[in-house]
Amino acid sequence: MDEINLFSAIAQMRKLTAQGIPFSFSHYTWDKDRNKASGLRQVDRATLRPQARGDDIDNADHKLFYQDLNVLDPKKNKRNCWQILIVSFNSIPVTPKQVFYENI
């Protein structure tokens, strides 16, 4: 089965969001403040939100900010996840393999 590396998946998410096209992905949950995981979350229709600055949110550079389009309440559909915990993008498995290691 084909797979996609994490950074290529995020780049494609950005491209689709810019075109107004929702995508699906899944990620494991992790709440660092509560030291708690809630398992695997499947997001069927999402678009990316602007990336937060590190000044505003701790570890913002390591998080993916998205809007879950299946959640109708605008106060609850703005979510984020740890990038490294993304496991699929549009049903394609995501590997954390770095882009610059692919050709070695």
Protein backbone atom coordinates (compact mmCIF):
# COMPACT_ATOMS: atom_id res chain seq x y z
CA MET A 1 0.00 0.00 0.00
CA ASP A 2 1.24 3.49 -0.81
CA GLU A 3 2.07 5.88 1.98
CA ILE A 4 2.86 9.57 2.21
CA ASN A 5 5.35 11.29 4.48
CA LEU A 6 4.05 13.71 7.08
CA PHE A 7 5.35 16.91 5.50
CA SER A 8 4.00 16.03 2.05
CA ALA A 9 0.60 15.29 3.61
CA ILE A 10 0.55 18.67 5.36
CA ALA A 11 1.61 20.42 2.14
CA GLN A 12 -1.30 18.75 0.31
CA MET A 13 -3.68 19.74 3.12
CA ARG A 14 -2.58 23.37 2.66
CA LYS A 15 -3.06 23.16 -1.10
CA LEU A 16 -6.56 21.66 -0.79
CA THR A 17 -7.53 24.24 1.84
CA ALA A 18 -6.39 27.07 -0.46
CA GLN A 19 -8.63 25.61 -3.19
CA GLY A 20 -11.57 25.35 -0.77
CA ILE A 21 -11.56 21.54 -0.93
CA PRO A 22 -12.06 19.63 2.35
CA PHE A 23 -9.95 16.57 3.12
CA SER A 24 -10.05 13.71 5.59
CA PHE A 25 -7.40 12.60 8.03
CA SER A 26 -6.99 10.73 11.28
CA HIS A 27 -4.76 11.35 14.25
CA TYR A 28 -4.18 10.06 17.72
CA THR A 29 -5.23 12.45 20.45
CA TRP A 30 -2.93 13.70 23.19
CA ASP A 31 -3.64 16.40 25.76
CA LYS A 32 -0.26 17.40 27.12
CA ASP A 33 -1.71 19.54 29.92
CA ARG A 34 -3.87 16.71 31.27
CA ASN A 35 -1.40 13.97 30.30
CA LYS A 36 -4.30 12.11 28.68
CA ALA A 37 -5.03 10.41 25.35
CA SER A 38 -8.48 9.65 23.96
CA GLY A 39 -7.52 7.28 21.15
CA LEU A 40 -7.81 7.72 17.42
CA ARG A 41 -9.89 10.58 16.00
CA GLN A 42 -11.20 10.33 12.43
CA VAL A 43 -11.93 13.71 10.82
CA ASP A 44 -14.01 13.20 7.69
CA ARG A 45 -14.20 16.80 6.43
CA ALA A 46 -11.56 19.33 7.44
CA THR A 47 -9.78 22.44 6.26
CA LEU A 48 -6.74 24.04 7.84
CA ARG A 49 -6.87 27.15 9.98
CA PRO A 50 -4.06 29.71 10.14
CA GLN A 51 -1.09 28.47 12.13
CA ALA A 52 -0.82 30.01 15.60
CA ARG A 53 2.38 31.75 16.59
CA GLY A 54 4.60 30.20 19.22
CA ASP A 55 4.02 33.32 21.33
CA ASP A 56 0.29 32.57 21.49
CA ILE A 57 0.22 28.79 22.01
CA ASP A 58 2.86 26.48 23.45
CA ASN A 59 4.44 24.15 20.87
CA ALA A 60 2.46 25.75 18.02
CA ASP A 61 5.17 24.73 15.54
CA HIS A 62 4.41 21.07 16.27
CA LYS A 63 0.63 21.31 15.96
CA LEU A 64 -1.79 21.25 13.04
CA PHE A 65 -4.69 23.71 13.38
CA TYR A 66 -7.83 22.64 11.58
CA GLN A 67 -11.57 23.15 11.36
CA ASP A 68 -13.78 20.06 11.58
CA LEU A 69 -16.54 20.82 9.07
CA ASN A 70 -18.81 18.09 10.47
CA VAL A 71 -19.07 19.93 13.79
CA LEU A 72 -21.69 22.63 13.29
CA ASP A 73 -21.03 24.63 16.47
CA PRO A 74 -18.41 27.26 15.50
CA LYS A 75 -17.15 27.30 19.10
CA LYS A 76 -16.33 23.58 18.96
CA ASN A 77 -15.17 22.98 15.39
CA LYS A 78 -11.79 24.72 15.74
CA ARG A 79 -9.35 22.01 16.75
CA ASN A 80 -5.67 21.17 16.73
CA CYS A 81 -3.55 18.05 16.91
CA TRP A 82 0.10 17.15 17.24
CA GLN A 83 1.53 16.80 13.73
CA ILE A 84 3.55 13.70 14.59
CA LEU A 85 0.33 11.89 15.65
CA ILE A 86 -1.27 12.15 12.20
CA VAL A 87 -1.66 8.61 10.85
CA SER A 88 -3.66 9.02 7.62
CA PHE A 89 -4.54 11.63 5.01
CA ASN A 90 -7.41 10.97 2.56
CA SER A 91 -7.19 7.26 3.48
CA ILE A 92 -3.45 7.11 2.71
CA PRO A 93 -1.20 6.03 5.61
CA VAL A 94 1.13 8.79 6.81
CA THR A 95 4.69 8.01 7.83
CA PRO A 96 6.77 10.40 9.95
CA LYS A 97 9.75 9.77 7.66
CA GLN A 98 11.51 13.04 6.92
CA VAL A 99 11.41 14.42 3.37
CA PHE A 100 15.19 14.69 3.13
CA TYR A 101 15.65 11.01 4.06
CA GLU A 102 13.36 9.64 1.34
CA ASN A 103 16.02 9.27 -1.32
CA ILE A 104 18.68 7.66 0.88
